[in-house]
């Protein structure tokens, strides 16, 4: 393993952690309706837990409304139950053809709670990134002990890994700030 390979692997680890965070944050409620809010909700469908997005068309025709139109109307009640069990805190309106989720405005307390949840998720991503740095530094140390690279090169690899971590922590901060701004938006 070369020092360049370690740097590329470090970028991959950081990118995966950031991408995973972004995917999770899509499901956190903000002031606006988003079809991503129901992406992680699974419904019992013929004995299998199935994501709503795979069994219904999900759209946001208005800024505070999500419309779910099941491909199979017989699962309307199951989808409705799954939404009520989720942590969205919304009761869907069923008109027989579609489910409408009207997003109530977030209270100040809810905004604070969601913002704290986002910060917690971002901290977990930071920890994952730092664990990636630790692992890549170990790899660099191992190839240095094996004589593949010199100690000076090893030190430079450690510095480069730290630079990569700092770059990704800045990106993570931007993602966090953007999501919190969306939550606090009135």
Protein backbone atom coordinates (compact mmCIF):
# COMPACT_ATOMS: atom_id res chain seq x y z
CA UNK A 1 0.00 0.00 0.00
CA UNK A 2 1.41 3.37 -1.00
CA UNK A 3 1.04 6.72 0.69
CA UNK A 4 -1.13 7.93 -2.22
CA UNK A 5 -3.44 4.92 -1.77
CA UNK A 6 -3.79 5.74 1.93
CA UNK A 7 -4.72 9.34 1.07
CA UNK A 8 -7.29 8.16 -1.50
CA UNK A 9 -8.73 5.67 1.00
CA UNK A 10 -8.94 8.47 3.58
CA UNK A 11 -10.93 10.62 1.14
CA UNK A 12 -13.23 7.65 0.46
CA UNK A 13 -13.88 7.10 4.17
CA UNK A 14 -14.59 10.80 4.75
CA UNK A 15 -16.82 11.01 1.67
CA UNK A 16 -18.84 7.98 2.78
CA UNK A 17 -19.35 9.44 6.26
CA UNK A 18 -20.47 12.79 4.80
CA UNK A 19 -22.79 11.15 2.26
CA UNK A 20 -24.34 8.94 4.96
CA UNK A 21 -24.96 12.01 7.11
CA UNK A 22 -26.64 13.83 4.22
CA UNK A 23 -28.91 10.84 3.59
CA UNK A 24 -29.93 10.68 7.25
CA UNK A 25 -30.52 14.44 7.45
CA UNK A 26 -32.96 14.26 4.52
CA UNK A 27 -35.38 12.54 6.90
CA UNK A 28 -35.20 15.22 9.59
CA UNK A 29 -38.24 17.45 9.56
CA UNK A 30 -37.88 21.10 8.63
CA UNK A 31 -40.38 23.94 8.14
CA UNK A 32 -40.97 22.72 4.56
CA UNK A 33 -42.53 19.47 3.37
CA UNK A 34 -40.17 17.02 1.68
CA UNK A 35 -40.82 13.61 0.22
CA UNK A 36 -37.63 12.48 1.99
CA UNK A 37 -39.51 12.66 5.30
CA UNK A 38 -41.38 9.46 4.46
CA UNK A 39 -38.48 7.68 2.70
CA UNK A 40 -37.41 5.79 5.81
CA UNK A 41 -40.90 4.76 6.87
CA UNK A 42 -41.49 1.08 6.16
CA UNK A 43 -44.88 -0.58 5.72
CA UNK A 44 -45.83 -4.24 6.15
CA UNK A 45 -46.65 -5.30 2.58
CA UNK A 46 -47.28 -8.98 1.84
CA UNK A 47 -45.16 -9.99 4.82
CA UNK A 48 -42.22 -7.73 3.95
CA UNK A 49 -41.28 -4.33 5.36
CA UNK A 50 -41.26 -2.08 2.30
CA UNK A 51 -40.31 1.63 2.10
CA UNK A 52 -43.23 3.89 1.19
CA UNK A 53 -41.35 5.21 -1.85
CA UNK A 54 -41.37 1.71 -3.39
CA UNK A 55 -45.14 1.25 -3.05
CA UNK A 56 -46.49 4.73 -3.71
CA UNK A 57 -45.89 7.94 -5.64
CA UNK A 58 -44.80 10.61 -3.15
CA UNK A 59 -45.00 14.30 -4.08
CA UNK A 60 -45.05 17.73 -2.47
CA UNK A 61 -47.61 19.83 -4.38
CA UNK A 62 -47.50 22.61 -1.76
CA UNK A 63 -44.73 23.81 0.58
CA UNK A 64 -46.42 22.27 3.64
CA UNK A 65 -48.06 19.21 2.14
CA UNK A 66 -46.96 15.71 1.15
CA UNK A 67 -49.23 13.60 -1.04
CA UNK A 68 -48.85 9.81 -1.10
CA UNK A 69 -50.65 7.91 -3.86
CA UNK A 70 -50.26 4.14 -3.38
CA UNK A 71 -49.87 1.97 -6.48
CA UNK A 72 -52.12 -0.58 -4.75
CA UNK A 73 -55.08 1.08 -2.99
CA UNK A 74 -55.48 -1.92 -0.64
CA UNK A 75 -52.42 -0.79 1.39
CA UNK A 76 -53.77 2.69 2.12
CA UNK A 77 -54.60 1.83 5.76
CA UNK A 78 -51.22 0.15 6.38
CA UNK A 79 -49.38 3.21 5.05
CA UNK A 80 -51.54 5.46 7.21
CA UNK A 81 -50.78 3.36 10.32
CA UNK A 82 -47.05 3.35 9.59
CA UNK A 83 -47.03 7.14 9.25
CA UNK A 84 -48.88 7.57 12.55
CA UNK A 85 -46.39 5.24 14.29
CA UNK A 86 -43.43 7.20 12.92
CA UNK A 87 -41.90 10.16 14.73
CA UNK A 88 -43.32 12.66 12.20
CA UNK A 89 -46.21 13.52 14.51
CA UNK A 90 -48.65 13.92 11.61
CA UNK A 91 -52.01 12.24 11.09
CA UNK A 92 -52.62 11.58 7.39
CA UNK A 93 -55.94 12.48 5.77
CA UNK A 94 -57.26 9.60 3.65
CA UNK A 95 -59.67 10.44 0.83
CA UNK A 96 -59.73 6.89 -0.57
CA UNK A 97 -57.28 7.63 -3.40
CA UNK A 98 -54.41 9.50 -1.76
CA UNK A 99 -53.04 10.27 1.68
CA UNK A 100 -52.37 13.91 2.45
CA UNK A 101 -49.91 14.91 5.13
CA UNK A 102 -50.28 18.55 6.08
CA UNK A 103 -47.20 19.76 7.90
CA UNK A 104 -48.08 21.94 10.87
CA UNK A 105 -45.73 24.79 11.63
CA UNK A 106 -42.95 23.81 14.01
CA UNK A 107 -43.07 25.36 17.47
CA UNK A 108 -39.96 26.98 18.86
CA UNK A 109 -39.42 24.03 21.18
CA UNK A 110 -39.71 21.54 18.27
CA UNK A 111 -37.25 23.58 16.22
CA UNK A 112 -34.75 23.48 19.09
CA UNK A 113 -35.24 19.73 19.51
CA UNK A 114 -34.74 19.04 15.78
CA UNK A 115 -31.70 21.33 15.68
CA UNK A 116 -30.20 19.45 18.64
CA UNK A 117 -30.91 16.15 16.85
CA UNK A 118 -29.07 17.44 13.76
CA UNK A 119 -26.08 18.50 15.85
CA UNK A 120 -26.02 15.06 17.46
CA UNK A 121 -26.06 13.34 14.05
CA UNK A 122 -23.29 15.62 12.81
CA UNK A 123 -21.18 14.82 15.86
CA UNK A 124 -21.58 11.10 15.12
CA UNK A 125 -20.36 11.76 11.57
CA UNK A 126 -17.37 13.69 12.97
CA UNK A 127 -16.55 10.72 15.19
CA UNK A 128 -16.74 8.38 12.17
CA UNK A 129 -14.39 10.67 10.27
CA UNK A 130 -11.93 10.80 13.17
CA UNK A 131 -12.05 7.02 13.45
CA UNK A 132 -11.23 6.90 9.74
CA UNK A 133 -8.26 9.18 10.36
CA UNK A 134 -7.05 6.91 13.17
CA UNK A 135 -7.34 3.82 10.96
CA UNK A 136 -5.52 5.43 8.05
CA UNK A 137 -2.75 6.65 10.37
CA UNK A 138 -2.35 3.05 11.57
CA UNK A 139 -2.02 1.88 7.97
CA UNK A 140 0.63 4.52 7.35
CA UNK A 141 2.51 3.42 10.47
CA UNK A 142 2.33 -0.23 9.36
CA UNK A 143 3.78 0.44 5.92
CA UNK A 144 6.45 2.63 7.53
CA UNK A 145 7.45 -0.22 9.87
CA UNK A 146 7.48 -2.60 6.90
CA UNK A 147 9.98 -0.27 5.23
CA UNK A 148 7.76 0.63 2.27
CA UNK A 149 7.95 4.34 3.13
CA UNK A 150 10.41 6.36 5.20
CA UNK A 151 9.61 8.03 8.51
CA UNK A 152 9.60 11.44 6.81
CA UNK A 153 7.11 10.19 4.24
CA UNK A 154 5.05 8.68 7.07
CA UNK A 155 4.94 12.05 8.84
CA UNK A 156 3.86 13.74 5.60
CA UNK A 157 1.12 11.14 5.13
CA UNK A 158 -0.11 11.81 8.68
CA UNK A 159 -0.17 15.56 7.91
CA UNK A 160 -2.02 14.97 4.64
CA UNK A 161 -4.59 12.74 6.40
CA UNK A 162 -5.14 15.52 8.95
CA UNK A 163 -5.62 18.07 6.12
CA UNK A 164 -8.19 15.80 4.46
CA UNK A 165 -10.03 15.44 7.79
CA UNK A 166 -10.10 19.22 8.27
CA UNK A 167 -11.48 19.73 4.74
CA UNK A 168 -14.28 17.25 5.36
CA UNK A 169 -15.04 18.68 8.79
CA UNK A 170 -15.55 22.07 7.09
CA UNK A 171 -17.93 20.44 4.59
CA UNK A 172 -19.76 18.78 7.47
CA UNK A 173 -20.10 22.14 9.25
CA UNK A 174 -21.66 23.63 6.10
CA UNK A 175 -24.15 20.73 5.86
CA UNK A 176 -25.02 21.15 9.55
CA UNK A 177 -25.47 24.93 9.27
CA UNK A 178 -27.66 24.59 6.17
CA UNK A 179 -29.94 21.98 7.79
CA UNK A 180 -30.29 23.96 11.02
CA UNK A 181 -31.15 27.07 8.96
CA UNK A 182 -33.88 25.07 7.19
CA UNK A 183 -35.25 23.92 10.56
CA UNK A 184 -35.25 27.43 12.03
CA UNK A 185 -36.87 28.95 8.92
CA UNK A 186 -40.38 30.22 9.59
